[in-house]
N, C-alpha and C. Protein backbone atom coordinates (compact mmCIF):
# COMPACT_ATOMS: atom_id res chain seq x y z
N VAL A 1 21.55 63.65 22.78
CA VAL A 1 21.36 64.88 23.50
C VAL A 1 22.44 64.97 24.43
N HIS A 2 22.87 66.16 24.49
CA HIS A 2 24.01 66.44 25.40
C HIS A 2 23.88 67.35 26.43
N PRO A 3 24.14 67.11 27.80
CA PRO A 3 24.53 66.00 28.14
C PRO A 3 23.53 64.82 28.28
N GLY A 4 23.87 63.70 27.98
CA GLY A 4 23.33 62.35 28.27
C GLY A 4 23.73 61.77 29.33
N GLY A 5 23.73 60.29 29.27
CA GLY A 5 24.25 59.52 30.46
C GLY A 5 23.37 59.65 31.54
N ILE A 6 24.15 59.72 32.73
CA ILE A 6 22.89 59.60 33.92
C ILE A 6 22.42 61.29 34.46
N VAL A 7 23.04 62.09 33.63
CA VAL A 7 22.78 63.40 33.98
C VAL A 7 22.48 64.12 32.71
N SER A 8 21.12 64.86 32.76
CA SER A 8 20.57 65.72 31.58
C SER A 8 21.00 67.09 31.76
N GLN A 9 20.73 68.06 31.00
CA GLN A 9 20.94 69.53 31.21
C GLN A 9 19.45 69.67 32.10
N ALA A 10 18.55 69.32 31.88
CA ALA A 10 17.40 69.68 32.99
C ALA A 10 17.96 69.33 34.19
N ASP A 11 18.70 68.27 34.54
CA ASP A 11 19.10 67.78 35.80
C ASP A 11 20.09 68.85 36.44
N ILE A 12 20.88 69.44 35.53
CA ILE A 12 21.78 70.41 35.95
C ILE A 12 20.99 71.88 36.29
N ASP A 13 20.40 72.14 35.27
CA ASP A 13 19.58 73.15 35.42
C ASP A 13 18.81 73.25 36.74
N ARG A 14 18.33 72.15 36.93
CA ARG A 14 17.30 72.02 38.27
C ARG A 14 18.22 72.16 39.37
N ALA A 15 19.17 71.45 39.73
CA ALA A 15 20.12 71.49 40.68
C ALA A 15 20.61 73.15 40.78
N ARG A 16 21.12 73.76 39.81
CA ARG A 16 21.60 75.04 39.90
C ARG A 16 20.36 76.06 40.55
N GLN A 17 19.18 75.65 40.11
CA GLN A 17 18.01 76.39 40.53
C GLN A 17 17.73 76.26 41.92
N LEU A 18 17.70 75.15 42.30
CA LEU A 18 17.57 74.65 43.87
C LEU A 18 18.64 75.31 44.57
N LEU A 19 19.81 75.26 44.23
CA LEU A 19 20.87 75.74 45.14
C LEU A 19 20.52 77.36 45.26
N ALA A 20 20.15 77.84 44.07
CA ALA A 20 20.19 79.43 44.13
C ALA A 20 18.69 79.60 45.06
N GLU A 21 17.99 78.88 44.98
CA GLU A 21 16.85 79.30 45.87
C GLU A 21 17.11 78.77 47.16
N GLY A 22 18.11 78.05 47.44
CA GLY A 22 18.51 77.77 48.90
C GLY A 22 17.74 76.25 49.47
N ASP A 23 17.25 75.37 48.60
CA ASP A 23 16.75 74.28 48.93
C ASP A 23 17.70 73.46 49.89
N GLU A 24 17.28 73.27 51.07
CA GLU A 24 18.18 72.69 52.16
C GLU A 24 18.65 71.16 51.89
N LYS A 25 17.99 70.35 51.32
CA LYS A 25 18.28 69.12 51.09
C LYS A 25 19.44 69.26 49.82
N VAL A 26 19.09 70.07 48.72
CA VAL A 26 20.11 70.03 47.73
C VAL A 26 21.35 70.53 48.18
N LYS A 27 21.21 71.70 48.82
CA LYS A 27 22.53 72.35 49.30
C LYS A 27 23.30 71.34 50.28
N ALA A 28 22.51 70.50 50.90
CA ALA A 28 23.20 69.61 51.70
C ALA A 28 24.04 68.50 50.81
N ALA A 29 23.39 67.83 50.18
CA ALA A 29 23.88 67.09 48.90
C ALA A 29 24.91 67.84 48.11
N TRP A 30 24.85 69.01 47.66
CA TRP A 30 25.99 69.80 47.01
C TRP A 30 27.20 69.87 48.16
N GLU A 31 27.18 70.22 49.34
CA GLU A 31 28.13 70.36 50.27
C GLU A 31 28.81 69.01 50.41
N ARG A 32 28.03 67.96 50.58
CA ARG A 32 28.62 66.77 50.54
C ARG A 32 29.41 66.43 49.45
N LEU A 33 29.02 66.57 48.16
CA LEU A 33 29.70 66.28 46.94
C LEU A 33 31.03 67.20 47.05
N CYS A 34 30.75 68.58 47.29
CA CYS A 34 31.90 69.37 47.44
C CYS A 34 33.20 69.29 48.22
N ALA A 35 32.51 68.50 49.42
CA ALA A 35 33.67 68.15 50.51
C ALA A 35 34.43 66.68 50.29
N ASN A 36 33.76 66.15 49.36
CA ASN A 36 34.37 64.56 49.15
C ASN A 36 35.61 64.74 48.74
N GLU A 37 36.69 63.94 49.00
CA GLU A 37 37.91 63.85 48.70
C GLU A 37 38.07 63.71 47.28
N TYR A 38 37.41 62.76 46.55
CA TYR A 38 37.38 62.74 45.03
C TYR A 38 37.21 63.87 44.46
N ALA A 39 36.43 64.70 44.76
CA ALA A 39 35.58 65.99 44.00
C ALA A 39 36.70 67.14 44.22
N GLN A 40 37.77 67.11 44.66
CA GLN A 40 38.63 68.02 44.84
C GLN A 40 39.57 68.40 43.51
N ALA A 41 39.92 69.57 43.13
CA ALA A 41 40.69 69.82 41.90
C ALA A 41 42.28 69.31 41.96
N GLY A 42 42.70 69.06 43.26
CA GLY A 42 44.02 68.53 43.33
C GLY A 42 44.08 67.04 43.72
N VAL A 43 43.03 66.40 43.61
CA VAL A 43 43.07 64.98 43.65
C VAL A 43 43.98 64.35 42.89
N ALA A 44 44.59 63.39 43.37
CA ALA A 44 45.74 62.70 42.50
C ALA A 44 44.93 61.41 41.89
N THR A 45 45.43 61.03 40.83
CA THR A 45 45.06 59.65 40.39
C THR A 45 46.21 58.77 39.87
N TRP A 46 45.82 57.55 39.84
CA TRP A 46 47.25 56.70 39.64
C TRP A 46 46.87 55.68 38.60
N PRO A 47 46.97 56.00 37.23
CA PRO A 47 46.79 55.14 36.08
C PRO A 47 47.71 54.03 36.13
N THR A 48 47.01 52.97 35.79
CA THR A 48 47.83 51.68 35.71
C THR A 48 47.94 51.30 34.11
N GLU A 49 48.80 50.79 33.68
CA GLU A 49 48.84 49.99 32.32
C GLU A 49 47.71 49.25 31.83
N THR A 50 47.52 48.49 32.95
CA THR A 50 46.83 47.21 32.75
C THR A 50 45.91 47.33 33.92
N VAL A 51 44.55 47.44 33.76
CA VAL A 51 43.57 47.26 34.80
C VAL A 51 43.26 45.81 34.83
N ILE A 52 43.38 45.33 36.29
CA ILE A 52 43.39 43.96 36.40
C ILE A 52 41.96 43.78 37.10
N ARG A 53 41.05 42.82 36.97
CA ARG A 53 40.00 42.44 37.68
C ARG A 53 39.74 40.95 37.53
N GLY A 54 39.76 40.40 38.62
CA GLY A 54 39.71 38.75 38.71
C GLY A 54 41.20 38.20 38.60
N GLY A 55 41.24 36.86 38.75
CA GLY A 55 42.52 36.14 38.54
C GLY A 55 43.04 35.93 39.97
N SER A 56 44.16 35.51 40.10
CA SER A 56 44.75 34.83 41.40
C SER A 56 45.55 36.02 42.12
N SER A 57 46.12 37.01 41.47
CA SER A 57 47.01 37.95 42.12
C SER A 57 46.72 39.23 41.09
N GLY A 58 47.28 40.36 41.92
CA GLY A 58 47.52 41.85 41.11
C GLY A 58 46.30 42.65 40.81
N GLN A 59 45.31 42.24 41.48
CA GLN A 59 43.99 42.91 41.17
C GLN A 59 44.14 44.50 41.55
N ASN A 60 43.86 45.54 40.88
CA ASN A 60 44.08 46.72 40.91
C ASN A 60 42.91 47.71 40.30
N TYR A 61 41.98 47.07 40.16
CA TYR A 61 40.79 47.63 39.21
C TYR A 61 40.17 48.82 40.14
N MET A 62 40.23 48.76 41.60
CA MET A 62 39.75 50.13 42.23
C MET A 62 40.47 51.18 42.04
N ASN A 63 41.75 51.31 41.36
CA ASN A 63 42.41 52.36 40.79
C ASN A 63 41.56 53.23 39.70
N CYS A 64 41.03 52.20 39.06
CA CYS A 64 40.52 52.78 37.76
C CYS A 64 39.20 53.44 38.21
N ALA A 65 38.51 52.39 39.25
CA ALA A 65 36.84 52.92 39.63
C ALA A 65 37.16 54.23 40.38
N ARG A 66 38.22 54.32 41.16
CA ARG A 66 38.36 55.76 41.85
C ARG A 66 38.79 56.80 40.91
N GLY A 67 39.55 56.42 39.63
CA GLY A 67 40.03 57.67 38.65
C GLY A 67 38.80 58.05 37.89
N ALA A 68 37.90 56.94 37.63
CA ALA A 68 36.50 57.32 37.13
C ALA A 68 35.89 58.28 37.89
N ALA A 69 35.65 57.80 39.26
CA ALA A 69 34.82 58.67 40.11
C ALA A 69 35.37 60.11 40.53
N MET A 70 36.59 60.16 40.35
CA MET A 70 37.47 61.62 40.66
C MET A 70 37.11 62.25 39.29
N ALA A 71 37.18 61.82 38.14
CA ALA A 71 36.80 62.53 36.93
C ALA A 71 35.29 63.05 36.97
N TYR A 72 34.52 62.19 37.30
CA TYR A 72 32.84 62.39 37.19
C TYR A 72 32.56 63.41 38.14
N GLN A 73 33.09 63.40 39.51
CA GLN A 73 32.89 64.09 40.54
C GLN A 73 33.38 65.59 40.16
N ASN A 74 34.57 65.85 39.66
CA ASN A 74 34.85 67.06 39.26
C ASN A 74 34.20 67.56 38.09
N ALA A 75 33.79 66.66 37.09
CA ALA A 75 33.07 67.14 35.86
C ALA A 75 31.71 67.62 36.63
N LEU A 76 31.00 67.09 37.67
CA LEU A 76 29.68 67.53 38.01
C LEU A 76 29.82 68.70 38.74
N ARG A 77 30.77 69.08 39.45
CA ARG A 77 31.10 70.21 40.15
C ARG A 77 31.38 71.30 39.29
N TRP A 78 31.92 71.24 38.07
CA TRP A 78 31.99 72.17 37.04
C TRP A 78 30.76 72.36 36.50
N LYS A 79 30.19 71.28 35.97
CA LYS A 79 28.95 71.50 35.26
C LYS A 79 28.00 72.38 36.16
N ILE A 80 27.71 71.94 37.25
CA ILE A 80 26.81 72.76 38.32
C ILE A 80 27.40 73.95 38.74
N GLY A 81 28.44 73.82 39.44
CA GLY A 81 29.21 74.96 40.03
C GLY A 81 30.01 75.82 39.25
N GLY A 82 30.44 75.61 37.93
CA GLY A 82 31.09 76.37 37.18
C GLY A 82 32.52 76.66 37.52
N THR A 83 32.95 75.78 38.23
CA THR A 83 34.28 75.82 38.75
C THR A 83 35.43 75.56 38.02
N ARG A 84 36.09 76.19 37.23
CA ARG A 84 36.97 75.90 36.15
C ARG A 84 38.06 75.04 36.76
N GLU A 85 38.54 75.29 37.88
CA GLU A 85 39.75 74.37 38.26
C GLU A 85 39.18 72.57 38.56
N ASN A 86 37.77 72.38 38.67
CA ASN A 86 37.24 71.20 38.51
C ASN A 86 37.18 70.56 37.21
N ALA A 87 36.90 71.56 36.15
CA ALA A 87 36.84 71.11 35.16
C ALA A 87 38.13 70.78 34.55
N GLU A 88 39.23 71.38 34.82
CA GLU A 88 40.71 71.23 34.56
C GLU A 88 41.14 69.88 35.13
N ALA A 89 40.38 69.54 36.29
CA ALA A 89 40.87 68.28 37.15
C ALA A 89 40.46 67.15 36.53
N ALA A 90 39.02 67.25 36.06
CA ALA A 90 38.23 66.14 35.24
C ALA A 90 39.03 65.75 33.97
N VAL A 91 39.37 66.86 33.06
CA VAL A 91 40.15 66.56 32.02
C VAL A 91 41.58 66.06 32.24
N ARG A 92 42.41 66.52 33.02
CA ARG A 92 43.69 66.02 33.38
C ARG A 92 43.47 64.48 33.87
N ILE A 93 42.75 63.94 34.91
CA ILE A 93 42.41 62.85 35.09
C ILE A 93 42.00 61.78 34.04
N MET A 94 41.21 62.23 33.16
CA MET A 94 40.73 61.56 31.82
C MET A 94 41.89 61.19 31.21
N MET A 95 42.71 62.29 30.86
CA MET A 95 44.03 62.24 29.87
C MET A 95 44.86 61.48 30.45
N GLN A 96 45.19 61.55 31.94
CA GLN A 96 46.31 60.67 32.41
C GLN A 96 45.87 59.09 32.12
N TRP A 97 44.66 58.84 32.46
CA TRP A 97 44.44 57.40 32.17
C TRP A 97 44.17 57.15 30.61
N ALA A 98 44.06 57.84 29.82
CA ALA A 98 43.72 57.52 28.31
C ALA A 98 45.16 57.31 27.85
N ARG A 99 46.01 58.12 28.41
CA ARG A 99 47.76 58.01 28.08
C ARG A 99 48.55 56.74 28.69
N ALA A 100 47.76 56.54 29.87
CA ALA A 100 48.55 55.33 30.67
C ALA A 100 48.02 53.99 30.44
N CYS A 101 46.85 53.92 30.44
CA CYS A 101 46.21 52.49 30.38
C CYS A 101 45.94 51.93 28.99
N LYS A 102 46.45 50.65 28.88
CA LYS A 102 46.57 49.99 27.55
C LYS A 102 45.40 49.18 27.46
N GLY A 103 45.12 48.51 28.65
CA GLY A 103 43.89 47.59 28.60
C GLY A 103 43.51 46.81 29.81
N LEU A 104 42.61 45.89 29.66
CA LEU A 104 42.03 45.22 30.96
C LEU A 104 42.62 43.70 30.72
N GLY A 105 43.02 43.29 32.23
CA GLY A 105 43.32 41.81 32.21
C GLY A 105 42.74 41.30 33.38
N GLY A 106 43.12 40.22 33.77
CA GLY A 106 42.61 39.15 34.71
C GLY A 106 41.95 38.04 34.26
N ASP A 107 40.66 37.61 34.80
CA ASP A 107 39.84 36.72 34.15
C ASP A 107 38.50 37.13 33.73
N THR A 108 37.45 36.30 33.59
CA THR A 108 36.15 36.86 32.89
C THR A 108 35.72 37.96 33.68
N ASN A 109 36.47 38.54 34.71
CA ASN A 109 35.54 39.62 35.45
C ASN A 109 36.19 40.82 34.58
N ILE A 110 36.80 40.72 33.62
CA ILE A 110 37.34 41.83 32.61
C ILE A 110 35.83 42.48 32.10
N SER A 111 35.04 41.64 31.97
CA SER A 111 33.94 42.18 31.37
C SER A 111 33.38 42.99 32.29
N LEU A 112 33.23 42.87 33.56
CA LEU A 112 32.65 43.58 34.69
C LEU A 112 33.47 44.88 34.53
N ALA A 113 34.69 45.07 34.48
CA ALA A 113 35.69 46.11 34.44
C ALA A 113 35.39 46.99 33.14
N ALA A 114 35.17 46.30 31.98
CA ALA A 114 34.96 47.06 30.69
C ALA A 114 33.49 47.86 30.85
N GLY A 115 32.40 47.26 31.43
CA GLY A 115 31.18 47.60 31.61
C GLY A 115 30.92 48.65 32.60
N ILE A 116 31.42 48.33 33.82
CA ILE A 116 31.41 49.46 34.95
C ILE A 116 32.04 50.63 34.64
N TYR A 117 33.54 50.40 34.63
CA TYR A 117 34.31 51.66 34.96
C TYR A 117 34.42 52.11 33.44
N GLY A 118 34.06 51.18 32.24
CA GLY A 118 33.71 52.29 30.77
C GLY A 118 32.59 53.21 30.93
N TYR A 119 31.71 52.65 31.88
CA TYR A 119 30.35 53.46 32.03
C TYR A 119 30.77 54.83 32.64
N GLU A 120 31.41 54.62 33.90
CA GLU A 120 31.87 55.68 34.62
C GLU A 120 32.67 56.66 34.10
N TRP A 121 33.53 56.27 33.13
CA TRP A 121 34.41 57.36 32.41
C TRP A 121 33.31 57.89 31.38
N ALA A 122 32.90 57.18 30.65
CA ALA A 122 31.78 57.85 29.52
C ALA A 122 31.07 58.67 30.15
N ASN A 123 30.59 58.46 31.40
CA ASN A 123 29.66 59.67 32.03
C ASN A 123 30.41 60.81 32.22
N ALA A 124 31.76 60.90 32.93
CA ALA A 124 32.51 61.97 33.05
C ALA A 124 32.67 62.68 31.71
N ALA A 125 33.00 62.03 30.73
CA ALA A 125 33.41 62.63 29.25
C ALA A 125 32.26 63.12 28.86
N GLU A 126 31.03 62.65 29.10
CA GLU A 126 29.95 63.25 28.40
C GLU A 126 29.77 64.66 29.18
N LEU A 127 29.96 64.63 30.48
CA LEU A 127 29.56 66.04 30.98
C LEU A 127 30.74 67.01 30.40
N MET A 128 31.99 66.56 30.26
CA MET A 128 32.92 67.34 29.80
C MET A 128 33.27 67.68 28.31
N ARG A 129 32.60 67.07 27.63
CA ARG A 129 32.84 67.02 26.13
C ARG A 129 32.49 68.60 25.44
N ASP A 130 31.81 69.36 26.10
CA ASP A 130 31.70 70.66 25.64
C ASP A 130 32.51 71.81 26.18
N TYR A 131 33.42 71.19 27.17
CA TYR A 131 34.42 72.07 27.86
C TYR A 131 35.22 72.82 26.93
N GLU A 132 35.53 74.01 26.86
CA GLU A 132 36.48 74.42 25.72
C GLU A 132 37.83 74.31 26.07
N GLY A 133 38.15 73.81 27.38
CA GLY A 133 39.39 73.78 27.63
C GLY A 133 39.99 72.39 27.59
N TRP A 134 39.12 71.44 26.76
CA TRP A 134 39.36 70.05 26.58
C TRP A 134 39.55 70.00 24.94
N SER A 135 40.86 70.09 24.45
CA SER A 135 40.92 70.52 23.20
C SER A 135 40.47 69.34 22.30
N ARG A 136 39.95 69.42 21.13
CA ARG A 136 39.30 68.23 20.28
C ARG A 136 40.39 67.23 20.08
N ALA A 137 41.55 67.40 19.86
CA ALA A 137 42.65 66.54 19.76
C ALA A 137 42.57 65.36 20.93
N ASP A 138 42.52 66.11 22.07
CA ASP A 138 42.70 65.33 23.38
C ASP A 138 41.37 64.56 23.57
N PHE A 139 40.22 65.18 23.21
CA PHE A 139 38.95 64.66 23.29
C PHE A 139 38.79 63.43 22.45
N GLU A 140 39.37 63.53 21.20
CA GLU A 140 39.49 62.29 20.21
C GLU A 140 40.29 61.25 20.64
N GLU A 141 41.43 61.61 21.32
CA GLU A 141 42.49 60.68 22.00
C GLU A 141 41.57 59.65 23.29
N PHE A 142 41.05 60.58 23.90
CA PHE A 142 40.02 59.85 25.05
C PHE A 142 39.10 59.03 24.22
N LYS A 143 38.41 59.21 23.26
CA LYS A 143 37.29 58.58 22.87
C LYS A 143 37.91 56.99 22.16
N GLN A 144 39.21 57.54 21.55
CA GLN A 144 40.04 56.22 20.87
C GLN A 144 40.26 55.27 22.25
N TRP A 145 40.46 55.72 23.26
CA TRP A 145 41.00 55.02 24.42
C TRP A 145 39.67 54.28 25.05
N MET A 146 38.58 54.76 25.06
CA MET A 146 37.42 54.25 25.64
C MET A 146 37.02 53.19 24.64
N ILE A 147 37.23 53.17 23.36
CA ILE A 147 36.85 52.01 22.38
C ILE A 147 37.67 51.13 22.44
N ARG A 148 39.05 51.28 22.59
CA ARG A 148 39.99 50.30 22.62
C ARG A 148 39.96 49.50 23.95
N VAL A 149 39.93 50.17 25.06
CA VAL A 149 40.00 49.83 26.44
C VAL A 149 38.65 49.06 26.79
N PHE A 150 37.48 49.78 26.67
CA PHE A 150 36.32 49.39 27.38
C PHE A 150 35.09 49.02 26.43
N TYR A 151 35.22 49.53 25.31
CA TYR A 151 34.02 49.22 24.14
C TYR A 151 34.35 47.72 23.46
N ASN A 152 35.44 47.49 23.27
CA ASN A 152 35.83 46.14 22.54
C ASN A 152 35.85 45.30 23.51
N PRO A 153 36.12 45.06 24.70
CA PRO A 153 35.88 44.08 25.65
C PRO A 153 34.47 43.70 26.09
N ALA A 154 33.54 44.79 26.24
CA ALA A 154 32.43 44.80 26.50
C ALA A 154 31.59 44.18 25.46
N ILE A 155 31.83 44.69 24.17
CA ILE A 155 31.19 43.93 23.03
C ILE A 155 31.44 42.76 22.48
N ASP A 156 32.64 42.35 22.82
CA ASP A 156 33.10 40.91 22.72
C ASP A 156 32.18 40.02 23.90
N PHE A 157 32.05 40.52 25.20
CA PHE A 157 31.24 39.76 26.08
C PHE A 157 29.58 39.64 25.51
N LEU A 158 29.58 40.58 24.98
CA LEU A 158 28.08 40.65 24.65
C LEU A 158 27.94 39.68 23.34
N ARG A 159 28.95 39.44 22.37
CA ARG A 159 28.81 38.58 21.37
C ARG A 159 29.22 37.03 21.51
N ARG A 160 30.28 36.94 22.53
CA ARG A 160 30.67 35.53 22.72
C ARG A 160 30.48 34.90 24.29
N ARG A 161 30.21 35.98 25.20
CA ARG A 161 29.92 35.79 26.53
C ARG A 161 31.14 34.56 27.06
N HIS A 162 32.28 34.81 26.81
CA HIS A 162 33.50 34.24 26.98
C HIS A 162 33.25 32.63 26.80
N ASP A 163 32.81 32.57 25.46
CA ASP A 163 32.58 31.13 24.75
C ASP A 163 31.76 30.32 25.51
N THR A 164 30.94 30.72 26.40
CA THR A 164 30.27 29.69 27.46
C THR A 164 28.91 29.53 26.84
N TRP A 165 28.62 30.36 25.88
CA TRP A 165 27.04 30.08 25.27
C TRP A 165 27.28 30.18 23.97
N LEU A 166 28.00 29.17 23.43
CA LEU A 166 28.17 28.88 21.80
C LEU A 166 26.64 28.97 21.04
N ASN A 167 26.87 29.57 20.04
CA ASN A 167 25.63 29.65 19.16
C ASN A 167 25.60 28.54 18.11
């Protein structure tokens, strides 16, 4: 069902309706989202070739977490508010990461990176996948990045558990 993930079409429709009706709590939440620095169409992201989580030095995983949050918040603003510039921002951020990031590194914490940030990126992409401004070729490129960088390490953890639970 599209959209799926953590936000459904019913959620989007309900948010739109409550905003139109002037619901104060929903309006306050919407304004807070719209004011967030990550939810701005001009927000900059800094993709890294290797996302490092764990290990003795060089951890940069918060860059990935921030990038995913930026893409998601801009996607949410587009889905609920219909602001094209936020849609373009979400796609731009996702494609910058898909074209720059080649993998995950660090220690066994890469499993956390694969699961947490992979889930965040997937939710942003799920909201954007029917956006006509995201070309099918770019969407495919993003999907392949998700499989390579996030899915494969996540499924490897589920199967091998870093070889700590030998079957």
